[in-house]
Amino acid sequence: MFYKIAKTLSKVTIVFGLMCMVGGCSVEQQELFYLYEALGLAVFAVGAYAHEYFRMLEYRYRKRKIREARERARREAA
């Protein structure tokens, strides 16, 4: 359950980072523009890193399950 929530939050973080970057373009004051851009890039980077991390965890989990199934089938066949 936690995994699905964290994976969804990573996707939401990516979208939020993009929205911050786009929102920075509508700000008239230069200081706020750079603040929004920095916040958007930081949030986007964190979300992208988390998304990639969870993708790698899922790949390892599937690979381990396949390996365990092969070992179990080999033991049953012997």
Protein backbone atom coordinates (compact mmCIF):
# COMPACT_ATOMS: atom_id res chain seq x y z
CA MET A 1 0.00 0.00 0.00
CA PHE A 2 2.77 2.41 0.93
CA TYR A 3 4.54 1.67 -2.34
CA LYS A 4 1.51 2.67 -4.45
CA ILE A 5 1.01 5.87 -2.46
CA ALA A 6 4.69 6.83 -2.75
CA LYS A 7 4.69 6.06 -6.48
CA THR A 8 1.60 8.24 -6.98
CA LEU A 9 3.14 11.04 -4.91
CA SER A 10 6.27 10.97 -7.06
CA LYS A 11 4.13 11.50 -10.17
CA VAL A 12 2.21 14.30 -8.45
CA THR A 13 5.52 15.90 -7.47
CA ILE A 14 6.68 15.86 -11.08
CA VAL A 15 3.48 17.56 -12.21
CA PHE A 16 3.67 20.09 -9.36
CA GLY A 17 7.25 20.93 -10.34
CA LEU A 18 6.19 21.56 -13.93
CA MET A 19 3.30 23.73 -12.75
CA CYS A 20 5.69 25.79 -10.60
CA MET A 21 7.98 26.29 -13.57
CA VAL A 22 5.09 27.35 -15.80
CA GLY A 23 3.66 29.54 -13.04
CA GLY A 24 7.00 31.28 -12.81
CA CYS A 25 6.53 32.58 -16.33
CA SER A 26 3.40 34.49 -15.34
CA VAL A 27 5.10 36.37 -12.48
CA GLU A 28 6.00 39.96 -13.29
CA GLN A 29 8.59 40.45 -10.55
CA GLN A 30 12.02 39.11 -11.38
CA GLU A 31 12.76 37.77 -7.86
CA LEU A 32 9.56 35.72 -7.72
CA PHE A 33 10.22 34.42 -11.21
CA TYR A 34 13.57 32.96 -10.16
CA LEU A 35 12.08 31.63 -6.93
CA TYR A 36 9.33 29.79 -8.80
CA GLU A 37 11.79 28.46 -11.36
CA ALA A 38 14.18 27.18 -8.67
CA LEU A 39 11.32 25.64 -6.69
CA GLY A 40 9.88 24.05 -9.82
CA LEU A 41 13.22 22.57 -10.89
CA ALA A 42 13.96 21.24 -7.40
CA VAL A 43 10.54 19.65 -6.99
CA PHE A 44 10.65 18.21 -10.50
CA ALA A 45 14.08 16.70 -9.86
CA VAL A 46 12.96 15.12 -6.59
CA GLY A 47 9.85 13.70 -8.21
CA ALA A 48 11.77 12.32 -11.17
CA TYR A 49 14.36 10.74 -8.88
CA ALA A 50 11.65 9.15 -6.73
CA HIS A 51 9.81 7.87 -9.79
CA GLU A 52 12.98 6.28 -11.18
CA TYR A 53 13.82 4.81 -7.77
CA PHE A 54 10.41 3.15 -7.50
CA ARG A 55 10.68 1.87 -11.06
CA MET A 56 13.99 0.21 -10.22
CA LEU A 57 12.51 -1.32 -7.06
CA GLU A 58 9.62 -2.74 -9.06
CA TYR A 59 12.03 -4.19 -11.64
CA ARG A 60 14.10 -5.87 -8.92
CA TYR A 61 10.97 -7.25 -7.26
CA ARG A 62 9.69 -8.76 -10.53
CA LYS A 63 13.13 -10.19 -11.32
CA ARG A 64 13.36 -11.79 -7.86
CA LYS A 65 9.87 -13.29 -8.16
CA ILE A 66 10.73 -14.85 -11.54
CA ARG A 67 13.98 -16.26 -10.15
CA GLU A 68 12.15 -17.73 -7.13
CA ALA A 69 9.50 -19.29 -9.38
CA ARG A 70 12.20 -20.91 -11.55
CA GLU A 71 13.99 -22.29 -8.49
CA ARG A 72 10.72 -23.62 -7.08
CA ALA A 73 9.87 -25.29 -10.39
CA ARG A 74 13.34 -26.81 -10.62
CA ARG A 75 13.05 -28.22 -7.06
CA GLU A 76 9.61 -29.66 -7.79
CA ALA A 77 10.85 -31.26 -11.02
CA ALA A 78 13.77 -32.91 -9.26
